[in-house]
Amino acid sequence: MNRNYLIPANTKKSLLIVGWFTKLDLWIFGIGVSWSFLMLLLIKNMNLVVLILVLLPGLIATFLVMPVAHYHNVLQLLTNIFNFYTNRRQYYWKGWSIHEGISSNSK
């Protein structure tokens, strides 16, 4: 009996809300959209520039939590890029083929 199981690629999606969002994502989205909605209610005289500035917090929040391929969202992608370029770590490859090409006949 073969007991070499592969873990499905989407196992961590069950930890996310609706399969896409974390609690922080929903907070960011809620605050951004609420702020824009509140500003729309408070500001009476609007031209195009003011309307864009009022909608900007909601648009930025929506952009940050928008799903991207292979990442939960844009915020996670930007965080990973920032951490990769600011932390001076050395990354080593340890994928499925780490032992490929290395002989196991060491005596």
C-alpha atoms as a PDB file:
ATOM      1  CA  MET A   1       0.000   0.000   0.000  1.00  0.00           C
ATOM      2  CA  ASN A   2       1.412   3.359  -1.032  1.00  0.00           C
ATOM      3  CA  ARG A   3       1.419   5.777   1.925  1.00  0.00           C
ATOM      4  CA  ASN A   4       3.117   8.685   0.200  1.00  0.00           C
ATOM      5  CA  TYR A   5       0.362  11.269   0.341  1.00  0.00           C
ATOM      6  CA  LEU A   6       0.479  14.590  -1.419  1.00  0.00           C
ATOM      7  CA  ILE A   7      -1.047  17.584   0.321  1.00  0.00           C
ATOM      8  CA  PRO A   8      -3.527  19.381  -1.941  1.00  0.00           C
ATOM      9  CA  ALA A   9      -2.505  22.877  -3.003  1.00  0.00           C
ATOM     10  CA  ASN A  10      -5.604  24.508  -1.525  1.00  0.00           C
ATOM     11  CA  THR A  11      -5.471  23.141   2.051  1.00  0.00           C
ATOM     12  CA  LYS A  12      -4.903  26.578   3.596  1.00  0.00           C
ATOM     13  CA  LYS A  13      -7.864  28.126   1.778  1.00  0.00           C
ATOM     14  CA  SER A  14     -10.153  26.595   4.394  1.00  0.00           C
ATOM     15  CA  LEU A  15      -8.488  28.814   7.013  1.00  0.00           C
ATOM     16  CA  LEU A  16      -9.519  31.938   5.088  1.00  0.00           C
ATOM     17  CA  ILE A  17     -12.893  33.642   5.196  1.00  0.00           C
ATOM     18  CA  VAL A  18     -14.795  32.750   1.995  1.00  0.00           C
ATOM     19  CA  GLY A  19     -11.571  31.085   0.853  1.00  0.00           C
ATOM     20  CA  TRP A  20      -9.888  34.432   0.087  1.00  0.00           C
ATOM     21  CA  PHE A  21      -9.745  36.833   3.053  1.00  0.00           C
ATOM     22  CA  THR A  22      -8.250  37.045   6.526  1.00  0.00           C
ATOM     23  CA  LYS A  23      -9.690  39.089   9.378  1.00  0.00           C
ATOM     24  CA  LEU A  24      -7.122  41.826   8.710  1.00  0.00           C
ATOM     25  CA  ASP A  25      -8.257  42.005   5.068  1.00  0.00           C
ATOM     26  CA  LEU A  26     -11.868  42.475   6.090  1.00  0.00           C
ATOM     27  CA  TRP A  27     -10.873  45.158   8.610  1.00  0.00           C
ATOM     28  CA  ILE A  28      -8.872  47.052   5.971  1.00  0.00           C
ATOM     29  CA  PHE A  29     -11.706  46.778   3.459  1.00  0.00           C
ATOM     30  CA  GLY A  30     -14.369  47.753   6.003  1.00  0.00           C
ATOM     31  CA  ILE A  31     -12.470  50.776   7.285  1.00  0.00           C
ATOM     32  CA  GLY A  32     -11.612  52.027   3.784  1.00  0.00           C
ATOM     33  CA  VAL A  33     -15.126  51.671   2.415  1.00  0.00           C
ATOM     34  CA  SER A  34     -16.705  53.075   5.608  1.00  0.00           C
ATOM     35  CA  TRP A  35     -14.418  56.096   5.491  1.00  0.00           C
ATOM     36  CA  SER A  36     -15.299  56.769   1.853  1.00  0.00           C
ATOM     37  CA  PHE A  37     -19.025  56.335   2.567  1.00  0.00           C
ATOM     38  CA  LEU A  38     -18.845  58.682   5.559  1.00  0.00           C
ATOM     39  CA  MET A  39     -17.036  61.305   3.484  1.00  0.00           C
ATOM     40  CA  LEU A  40     -19.658  60.977   0.731  1.00  0.00           C
ATOM     41  CA  LEU A  41     -22.353  61.734   3.312  1.00  0.00           C
ATOM     42  CA  LEU A  42     -20.523  64.671   4.911  1.00  0.00           C
ATOM     43  CA  ILE A  43     -19.227  66.547   1.867  1.00  0.00           C
ATOM     44  CA  LYS A  44     -22.015  68.358   0.004  1.00  0.00           C
ATOM     45  CA  ASN A  45     -20.356  70.308  -2.814  1.00  0.00           C
ATOM     46  CA  MET A  46     -18.302  67.954  -4.938  1.00  0.00           C
ATOM     47  CA  ASN A  47     -16.478  68.330  -8.169  1.00  0.00           C
ATOM     48  CA  LEU A  48     -14.613  65.535  -9.930  1.00  0.00           C
ATOM     49  CA  VAL A  49     -11.336  66.008  -8.019  1.00  0.00           C
ATOM     50  CA  VAL A  50     -13.061  65.980  -4.618  1.00  0.00           C
ATOM     51  CA  LEU A  51     -15.105  62.918  -5.610  1.00  0.00           C
ATOM     52  CA  ILE A  52     -11.941  61.033  -6.565  1.00  0.00           C
ATOM     53  CA  LEU A  53     -10.271  62.033  -3.278  1.00  0.00           C
ATOM     54  CA  VAL A  54     -13.339  60.933  -1.304  1.00  0.00           C
ATOM     55  CA  LEU A  55     -13.463  57.549  -3.059  1.00  0.00           C
ATOM     56  CA  LEU A  56      -9.700  57.001  -2.805  1.00  0.00           C
ATOM     57  CA  PRO A  57      -9.647  55.256   0.643  1.00  0.00           C
ATOM     58  CA  GLY A  58     -12.257  52.741  -0.504  1.00  0.00           C
ATOM     59  CA  LEU A  59     -10.480  52.152  -3.804  1.00  0.00           C
ATOM     60  CA  ILE A  60      -7.093  51.635  -2.109  1.00  0.00           C
ATOM     61  CA  ALA A  61      -8.613  49.246   0.447  1.00  0.00           C
ATOM     62  CA  THR A  62     -10.340  47.300  -2.321  1.00  0.00           C
ATOM     63  CA  PHE A  63      -7.084  47.112  -4.301  1.00  0.00           C
ATOM     64  CA  LEU A  64      -5.166  45.825  -1.256  1.00  0.00           C
ATOM     65  CA  VAL A  65      -7.564  42.963  -0.519  1.00  0.00           C
ATOM     66  CA  MET A  66      -8.206  42.020  -4.151  1.00  0.00           C
ATOM     67  CA  PRO A  67      -7.203  38.381  -4.819  1.00  0.00           C
ATOM     68  CA  VAL A  68      -4.082  37.749  -6.886  1.00  0.00           C
ATOM     69  CA  ALA A  69      -2.859  34.455  -8.318  1.00  0.00           C
ATOM     70  CA  HIS A  70      -0.742  32.436  -5.821  1.00  0.00           C
ATOM     71  CA  TYR A  71      -1.292  34.981  -3.022  1.00  0.00           C
ATOM     72  CA  HIS A  72      -4.230  35.725  -0.764  1.00  0.00           C
ATOM     73  CA  ASN A  73      -4.304  39.299  -1.980  1.00  0.00           C
ATOM     74  CA  VAL A  74      -2.243  42.278  -3.102  1.00  0.00           C
ATOM     75  CA  LEU A  75      -1.400  43.199   0.511  1.00  0.00           C
ATOM     76  CA  GLN A  76       0.224  39.786   1.067  1.00  0.00           C
ATOM     77  CA  LEU A  77       2.104  40.077  -2.228  1.00  0.00           C
ATOM     78  CA  LEU A  78       3.436  43.548  -1.333  1.00  0.00           C
ATOM     79  CA  THR A  79       4.402  42.317   2.157  1.00  0.00           C
ATOM     80  CA  ASN A  80       6.327  39.380   0.685  1.00  0.00           C
ATOM     81  CA  ILE A  81       8.128  41.601  -1.843  1.00  0.00           C
ATOM     82  CA  PHE A  82       9.018  44.114   0.884  1.00  0.00           C
ATOM     83  CA  ASN A  83      10.319  41.380   3.222  1.00  0.00           C
ATOM     84  CA  PHE A  84      12.324  39.750   0.437  1.00  0.00           C
ATOM     85  CA  TYR A  85      14.149  42.949  -0.526  1.00  0.00           C
ATOM     86  CA  THR A  86      14.615  44.447   2.963  1.00  0.00           C
ATOM     87  CA  ASN A  87      15.648  41.390   4.978  1.00  0.00           C
ATOM     88  CA  ARG A  88      19.160  40.309   4.129  1.00  0.00           C
ATOM     89  CA  ARG A  89      18.586  36.583   4.391  1.00  0.00           C
ATOM     90  CA  GLN A  90      19.999  33.838   2.301  1.00  0.00           C
ATOM     91  CA  TYR A  91      17.285  31.644   0.807  1.00  0.00           C
ATOM     92  CA  TYR A  92      18.060  28.009   0.085  1.00  0.00           C
ATOM     93  CA  TRP A  93      16.097  25.812  -2.266  1.00  0.00           C
ATOM     94  CA  LYS A  94      14.367  22.991  -0.407  1.00  0.00           C
ATOM     95  CA  GLY A  95      11.670  21.882  -2.828  1.00  0.00           C
ATOM     96  CA  TRP A  96      10.497  18.438  -3.791  1.00  0.00           C
ATOM     97  CA  SER A  97      13.602  17.793  -5.871  1.00  0.00           C
ATOM     98  CA  ILE A  98      16.202  18.678  -3.230  1.00  0.00           C
ATOM     99  CA  HIS A  99      17.731  15.207  -3.286  1.00  0.00           C
ATOM    100  CA  GLU A 100      17.460  14.819  -7.048  1.00  0.00           C
ATOM    101  CA  GLY A 101      20.856  14.192  -8.578  1.00  0.00           C
ATOM    102  CA  ILE A 102      22.526  13.428  -5.237  1.00  0.00           C
ATOM    103  CA  SER A 103      23.550   9.808  -4.879  1.00  0.00           C
ATOM    104  CA  SER A 104      22.480   8.063  -1.710  1.00  0.00           C
ATOM    105  CA  ASN A 105      25.413   5.595  -1.866  1.00  0.00           C
ATOM    106  CA  SER A 106      27.512   7.382   0.722  1.00  0.00           C
ATOM    107  CA  LYS A 107      29.563   4.808   2.636  1.00  0.00           C
END
